[in-house]
Amino acid sequence: MSAETQPSPEMPNAAIADAGYQALAARFPGLETSVFRGQRRVVIPADSLAEGMQQLREAGFDLLVDVSCVDYLEYRGATSRYGLVYLLVNTRTNERLTVRCFVDDPEPTVPSMVPLWESANWLEREVWDLFGIRFSGHPDLRRLVMPEEFTGHPLRKDYPLQGRGERHNFPVISREHS
């Protein structure tokens, strides 16, 4: 590592001048960025997500650790309903990057990252199953946690927790059939 990419003592794991981030910032001027506890975070707009993630992959972020989602329904100050969270790692430099992308109803959709990172396959299926975020171009977008007959997405904040809607479409299994 050169002196300019060396992490500072205040930010042990964030390389301030890392090439991948700098290339991303040059390609998409005005990106919202922050550093928290030494970890860099960046927000990429949904319409630029595929291109931005491709650029990060080429810059050395070769490991997709996780894909998750946050439902910002009734969250004070939120401007979008859903926030996708991608955790990336450059295994050569041990740099970590959190990429966030916001999408809204009625059809929250982003491009699939499976062509870039094979690990996105099951991670995106889980987000689809529990939050209902579609990943266009995904090779096998089907339920992973809930049964195929299930009609809702149970981690959405507007999902009913009582009465009809919680378990109305689970098949009834008797003791002799279990």
C-alpha atoms as a PDB file:
ATOM      1  CA  MET A   1       0.000   0.000   0.000  1.00  0.00           C
ATOM      2  CA  SER A   2       1.212   3.469  -0.746  1.00  0.00           C
ATOM      3  CA  ALA A   3       1.199   6.151   1.922  1.00  0.00           C
ATOM      4  CA  GLU A   4      -1.916   7.769   0.477  1.00  0.00           C
ATOM      5  CA  THR A   5      -3.948   4.548   0.623  1.00  0.00           C
ATOM      6  CA  GLN A   6      -2.730   3.658   4.120  1.00  0.00           C
ATOM      7  CA  PRO A   7      -5.609   3.665   6.627  1.00  0.00           C
ATOM      8  CA  SER A   8      -5.411   6.446   9.172  1.00  0.00           C
ATOM      9  CA  PRO A   9      -5.363   5.619  12.918  1.00  0.00           C
ATOM     10  CA  GLU A  10      -8.829   7.165  13.326  1.00  0.00           C
ATOM     11  CA  MET A  11     -10.217   5.007  10.524  1.00  0.00           C
ATOM     12  CA  PRO A  12      -8.391   1.685  10.695  1.00  0.00           C
ATOM     13  CA  ASN A  13     -10.113  -0.143   7.832  1.00  0.00           C
ATOM     14  CA  ALA A  14     -10.998   2.718   5.484  1.00  0.00           C
ATOM     15  CA  ALA A  15      -8.432   3.580   2.844  1.00  0.00           C
ATOM     16  CA  ILE A  16      -9.251   7.204   2.199  1.00  0.00           C
ATOM     17  CA  ALA A  17      -7.892   7.319  -1.356  1.00  0.00           C
ATOM     18  CA  ASP A  18      -8.831   3.814  -2.465  1.00  0.00           C
ATOM     19  CA  ALA A  19      -8.880   3.505  -6.238  1.00  0.00           C
ATOM     20  CA  GLY A  20     -12.292   1.836  -6.455  1.00  0.00           C
ATOM     21  CA  TYR A  21     -14.063   4.516  -4.506  1.00  0.00           C
ATOM     22  CA  GLN A  22     -12.239   7.316  -6.325  1.00  0.00           C
ATOM     23  CA  ALA A  23     -13.187   5.839  -9.711  1.00  0.00           C
ATOM     24  CA  LEU A  24     -16.800   5.531  -8.587  1.00  0.00           C
ATOM     25  CA  ALA A  25     -16.860   9.126  -7.322  1.00  0.00           C
ATOM     26  CA  ALA A  26     -15.355  10.344 -10.610  1.00  0.00           C
ATOM     27  CA  ARG A  27     -17.940   8.439 -12.678  1.00  0.00           C
ATOM     28  CA  PHE A  28     -20.895   9.522 -10.530  1.00  0.00           C
ATOM     29  CA  PRO A  29     -20.208  13.019  -9.198  1.00  0.00           C
ATOM     30  CA  GLY A  30     -22.286  14.039  -6.211  1.00  0.00           C
ATOM     31  CA  LEU A  31     -22.612  10.601  -4.645  1.00  0.00           C
ATOM     32  CA  GLU A  32     -23.708  10.673  -1.034  1.00  0.00           C
ATOM     33  CA  THR A  33     -20.866   9.214   1.044  1.00  0.00           C
ATOM     34  CA  SER A  34     -19.948   8.880   4.686  1.00  0.00           C
ATOM     35  CA  VAL A  35     -17.475   7.136   6.956  1.00  0.00           C
ATOM     36  CA  PHE A  36     -18.614   5.610  10.230  1.00  0.00           C
ATOM     37  CA  ARG A  37     -16.228   3.834  12.584  1.00  0.00           C
ATOM     38  CA  GLY A  38     -13.686   3.477   9.830  1.00  0.00           C
ATOM     39  CA  GLN A  39     -16.088   1.964   7.318  1.00  0.00           C
ATOM     40  CA  ARG A  40     -16.916   3.803   4.089  1.00  0.00           C
ATOM     41  CA  ARG A  41     -20.533   3.999   2.916  1.00  0.00           C
ATOM     42  CA  VAL A  42     -21.863   5.187  -0.421  1.00  0.00           C
ATOM     43  CA  VAL A  43     -25.376   5.629  -1.818  1.00  0.00           C
ATOM     44  CA  ILE A  44     -25.790   4.736  -5.495  1.00  0.00           C
ATOM     45  CA  PRO A  45     -29.060   5.655  -7.249  1.00  0.00           C
ATOM     46  CA  ALA A  46     -31.101   2.663  -8.456  1.00  0.00           C
ATOM     47  CA  ASP A  47     -30.771   3.645 -12.119  1.00  0.00           C
ATOM     48  CA  SER A  48     -26.948   3.620 -11.802  1.00  0.00           C
ATOM     49  CA  LEU A  49     -26.620   0.571  -9.556  1.00  0.00           C
ATOM     50  CA  ALA A  50     -25.552  -1.958 -12.215  1.00  0.00           C
ATOM     51  CA  GLU A  51     -22.875   0.318 -13.650  1.00  0.00           C
ATOM     52  CA  GLY A  52     -21.628   1.402 -10.228  1.00  0.00           C
ATOM     53  CA  MET A  53     -21.375  -2.146  -8.890  1.00  0.00           C
ATOM     54  CA  GLN A  54     -19.597  -3.259 -12.089  1.00  0.00           C
ATOM     55  CA  GLN A  55     -17.059  -0.512 -11.538  1.00  0.00           C
ATOM     56  CA  LEU A  56     -16.540  -1.560  -7.907  1.00  0.00           C
ATOM     57  CA  ARG A  57     -16.085  -5.185  -8.976  1.00  0.00           C
ATOM     58  CA  GLU A  58     -13.432  -4.158 -11.516  1.00  0.00           C
ATOM     59  CA  ALA A  59     -11.740  -2.025  -8.852  1.00  0.00           C
ATOM     60  CA  GLY A  60     -11.138  -5.081  -6.681  1.00  0.00           C
ATOM     61  CA  PHE A  61     -14.231  -5.529  -4.530  1.00  0.00           C
ATOM     62  CA  ASP A  62     -14.322  -9.242  -5.265  1.00  0.00           C
ATOM     63  CA  LEU A  63     -16.457 -10.468  -2.343  1.00  0.00           C
ATOM     64  CA  LEU A  64     -20.150  -9.746  -1.825  1.00  0.00           C
ATOM     65  CA  VAL A  65     -20.702 -10.497   1.859  1.00  0.00           C
ATOM     66  CA  ASP A  66     -24.391  -9.692   2.224  1.00  0.00           C
ATOM     67  CA  VAL A  67     -27.458  -8.166   0.626  1.00  0.00           C
ATOM     68  CA  SER A  68     -30.128  -6.929   2.975  1.00  0.00           C
ATOM     69  CA  CYS A  69     -33.035  -4.522   3.030  1.00  0.00           C
ATOM     70  CA  VAL A  70     -34.538  -1.937   5.370  1.00  0.00           C
ATOM     71  CA  ASP A  71     -38.192  -0.911   5.220  1.00  0.00           C
ATOM     72  CA  TYR A  72     -38.371   2.819   5.954  1.00  0.00           C
ATOM     73  CA  LEU A  73     -42.184   2.954   6.160  1.00  0.00           C
ATOM     74  CA  GLU A  74     -43.116   5.689   8.663  1.00  0.00           C
ATOM     75  CA  TYR A  75     -39.426   6.419   9.323  1.00  0.00           C
ATOM     76  CA  ARG A  76     -39.037  10.112  10.096  1.00  0.00           C
ATOM     77  CA  GLY A  77     -37.270  11.933   7.273  1.00  0.00           C
ATOM     78  CA  ALA A  78     -37.177   8.960   4.877  1.00  0.00           C
ATOM     79  CA  THR A  79     -37.752   9.825   1.233  1.00  0.00           C
ATOM     80  CA  SER A  80     -37.844   6.243  -0.103  1.00  0.00           C
ATOM     81  CA  ARG A  81     -39.668   3.176   1.141  1.00  0.00           C
ATOM     82  CA  TYR A  82     -36.896   0.550   0.865  1.00  0.00           C
ATOM     83  CA  GLY A  83     -33.158   0.727   1.313  1.00  0.00           C
ATOM     84  CA  LEU A  84     -31.068  -2.106  -0.105  1.00  0.00           C
ATOM     85  CA  VAL A  85     -27.724  -2.665   1.606  1.00  0.00           C
ATOM     86  CA  TYR A  86     -24.797  -4.395  -0.137  1.00  0.00           C
ATOM     87  CA  LEU A  87     -21.665  -5.231   1.885  1.00  0.00           C
ATOM     88  CA  LEU A  88     -18.545  -5.543  -0.298  1.00  0.00           C
ATOM     89  CA  VAL A  89     -14.950  -6.491   0.529  1.00  0.00           C
ATOM     90  CA  ASN A  90     -11.707  -6.161  -1.380  1.00  0.00           C
ATOM     91  CA  THR A  91      -9.941  -9.337  -0.187  1.00  0.00           C
ATOM     92  CA  ARG A  92      -6.508  -8.099  -1.272  1.00  0.00           C
ATOM     93  CA  THR A  93      -6.592  -4.866   0.736  1.00  0.00           C
ATOM     94  CA  ASN A  94      -9.214  -5.828   3.363  1.00  0.00           C
ATOM     95  CA  GLU A  95     -11.194  -2.712   2.452  1.00  0.00           C
ATOM     96  CA  ARG A  96     -14.881  -2.842   3.202  1.00  0.00           C
ATOM     97  CA  LEU A  97     -17.588  -0.809   1.534  1.00  0.00           C
ATOM     98  CA  THR A  98     -21.277  -0.521   2.273  1.00  0.00           C
ATOM     99  CA  VAL A  99     -23.355   0.352  -0.790  1.00  0.00           C
ATOM    100  CA  ARG A 100     -26.913   1.523  -0.286  1.00  0.00           C
ATOM    101  CA  CYS A 101     -29.607   1.915  -2.920  1.00  0.00           C
ATOM    102  CA  PHE A 102     -33.150   3.191  -2.402  1.00  0.00           C
ATOM    103  CA  VAL A 103     -36.282   1.978  -4.235  1.00  0.00           C
ATOM    104  CA  ASP A 104     -39.995   2.659  -3.888  1.00  0.00           C
ATOM    105  CA  ASP A 105     -43.369   1.048  -4.376  1.00  0.00           C
ATOM    106  CA  PRO A 106     -45.358   0.043  -6.393  1.00  0.00           C
ATOM    107  CA  GLU A 107     -42.712  -2.116  -8.129  1.00  0.00           C
ATOM    108  CA  PRO A 108     -39.430  -1.938  -6.229  1.00  0.00           C
ATOM    109  CA  THR A 109     -36.901  -3.352  -8.706  1.00  0.00           C
ATOM    110  CA  VAL A 110     -33.124  -3.263  -9.094  1.00  0.00           C
ATOM    111  CA  PRO A 111     -30.791  -5.212 -11.385  1.00  0.00           C
ATOM    112  CA  SER A 112     -29.471  -8.527 -10.122  1.00  0.00           C
ATOM    113  CA  MET A 113     -25.832  -8.695  -9.049  1.00  0.00           C
ATOM    114  CA  VAL A 114     -25.551 -12.443  -9.795  1.00  0.00           C
ATOM    115  CA  PRO A 115     -23.538 -11.790 -13.001  1.00  0.00           C
ATOM    116  CA  LEU A 116     -20.936  -9.969 -10.867  1.00  0.00           C
ATOM    117  CA  TRP A 117     -20.978 -12.054  -7.682  1.00  0.00           C
ATOM    118  CA  GLU A 118     -22.450 -15.566  -7.662  1.00  0.00           C
ATOM    119  CA  SER A 119     -23.074 -15.212  -3.913  1.00  0.00           C
ATOM    120  CA  ALA A 120     -25.847 -12.725  -4.747  1.00  0.00           C
ATOM    121  CA  ASN A 121     -28.056 -15.606  -5.904  1.00  0.00           C
ATOM    122  CA  TRP A 122     -29.430 -16.752  -2.560  1.00  0.00           C
ATOM    123  CA  LEU A 123     -29.019 -13.358  -0.890  1.00  0.00           C
ATOM    124  CA  GLU A 124     -31.277 -11.714  -3.469  1.00  0.00           C
ATOM    125  CA  ARG A 125     -33.770 -14.567  -3.208  1.00  0.00           C
ATOM    126  CA  GLU A 126     -33.999 -13.974   0.536  1.00  0.00           C
ATOM    127  CA  VAL A 127     -34.615 -10.240   0.079  1.00  0.00           C
ATOM    128  CA  TRP A 128     -37.237 -10.980  -2.594  1.00  0.00           C
ATOM    129  CA  ASP A 129     -38.979 -13.508  -0.358  1.00  0.00           C
ATOM    130  CA  LEU A 130     -39.087 -11.404   2.810  1.00  0.00           C
ATOM    131  CA  PHE A 131     -39.372  -7.841   1.415  1.00  0.00           C
ATOM    132  CA  GLY A 132     -40.689  -8.229  -2.147  1.00  0.00           C
ATOM    133  CA  ILE A 133     -37.836  -6.388  -3.886  1.00  0.00           C
ATOM    134  CA  ARG A 134     -37.494  -7.702  -7.455  1.00  0.00           C
ATOM    135  CA  PHE A 135     -34.068  -8.308  -8.963  1.00  0.00           C
ATOM    136  CA  SER A 136     -34.333  -8.025 -12.735  1.00  0.00           C
ATOM    137  CA  GLY A 137     -32.197 -10.557 -14.564  1.00  0.00           C
ATOM    138  CA  HIS A 138     -31.972 -12.937 -11.606  1.00  0.00           C
ATOM    139  CA  PRO A 139     -31.592 -16.530 -12.857  1.00  0.00           C
ATOM    140  CA  ASP A 140     -33.938 -18.156 -10.298  1.00  0.00           C
ATOM    141  CA  LEU A 141     -36.018 -15.626  -8.352  1.00  0.00           C
ATOM    142  CA  ARG A 142     -38.313 -17.788  -6.236  1.00  0.00           C
ATOM    143  CA  ARG A 143     -39.137 -18.167  -2.575  1.00  0.00           C
ATOM    144  CA  LEU A 144     -36.327 -19.252  -0.280  1.00  0.00           C
ATOM    145  CA  VAL A 145     -37.704 -19.020   3.272  1.00  0.00           C
ATOM    146  CA  MET A 146     -41.492 -18.974   2.934  1.00  0.00           C
ATOM    147  CA  PRO A 147     -43.549 -21.668   1.175  1.00  0.00           C
ATOM    148  CA  GLU A 148     -44.331 -21.076  -2.508  1.00  0.00           C
ATOM    149  CA  GLU A 149     -48.056 -20.667  -1.693  1.00  0.00           C
ATOM    150  CA  PHE A 150     -47.397 -17.758   0.650  1.00  0.00           C
ATOM    151  CA  THR A 151     -48.751 -14.503  -0.777  1.00  0.00           C
ATOM    152  CA  GLY A 152     -47.054 -11.776   1.297  1.00  0.00           C
ATOM    153  CA  HIS A 153     -43.625 -10.510   2.257  1.00  0.00           C
ATOM    154  CA  PRO A 154     -43.457 -10.814   6.056  1.00  0.00           C
ATOM    155  CA  LEU A 155     -40.638  -8.341   6.824  1.00  0.00           C
ATOM    156  CA  ARG A 156     -42.478  -5.405   5.317  1.00  0.00           C
ATOM    157  CA  LYS A 157     -43.664  -3.111   8.074  1.00  0.00           C
ATOM    158  CA  ASP A 158     -47.204  -3.045   6.700  1.00  0.00           C
ATOM    159  CA  TYR A 159     -47.512  -6.843   6.838  1.00  0.00           C
ATOM    160  CA  PRO A 160     -50.413  -7.814   9.149  1.00  0.00           C
ATOM    161  CA  LEU A 161     -49.278  -9.467  12.367  1.00  0.00           C
ATOM    162  CA  GLN A 162     -52.725 -10.435  13.617  1.00  0.00           C
ATOM    163  CA  GLY A 163     -55.834 -11.792  12.044  1.00  0.00           C
ATOM    164  CA  ARG A 164     -56.221 -12.770   8.420  1.00  0.00           C
ATOM    165  CA  GLY A 165     -52.974 -12.345   6.554  1.00  0.00           C
ATOM    166  CA  GLU A 166     -50.537 -13.812   9.025  1.00  0.00           C
ATOM    167  CA  ARG A 167     -51.095 -17.513   8.427  1.00  0.00           C
ATOM    168  CA  HIS A 168     -54.191 -17.715   6.248  1.00  0.00           C
ATOM    169  CA  ASN A 169     -52.457 -19.329   3.300  1.00  0.00           C
ATOM    170  CA  PHE A 170     -50.249 -21.903   5.025  1.00  0.00           C
ATOM    171  CA  PRO A 171     -51.411 -25.428   4.195  1.00  0.00           C
ATOM    172  CA  VAL A 172     -52.856 -27.265   7.191  1.00  0.00           C
ATOM    173  CA  ILE A 173     -50.701 -30.274   8.025  1.00  0.00           C
ATOM    174  CA  SER A 174     -52.202 -32.972  10.202  1.00  0.00           C
ATOM    175  CA  ARG A 175     -50.182 -35.115  12.566  1.00  0.00           C
ATOM    176  CA  GLU A 176     -50.377 -38.178  10.326  1.00  0.00           C
ATOM    177  CA  HIS A 177     -49.040 -36.199   7.336  1.00  0.00           C
ATOM    178  CA  SER A 178     -46.159 -34.534   9.144  1.00  0.00           C
END
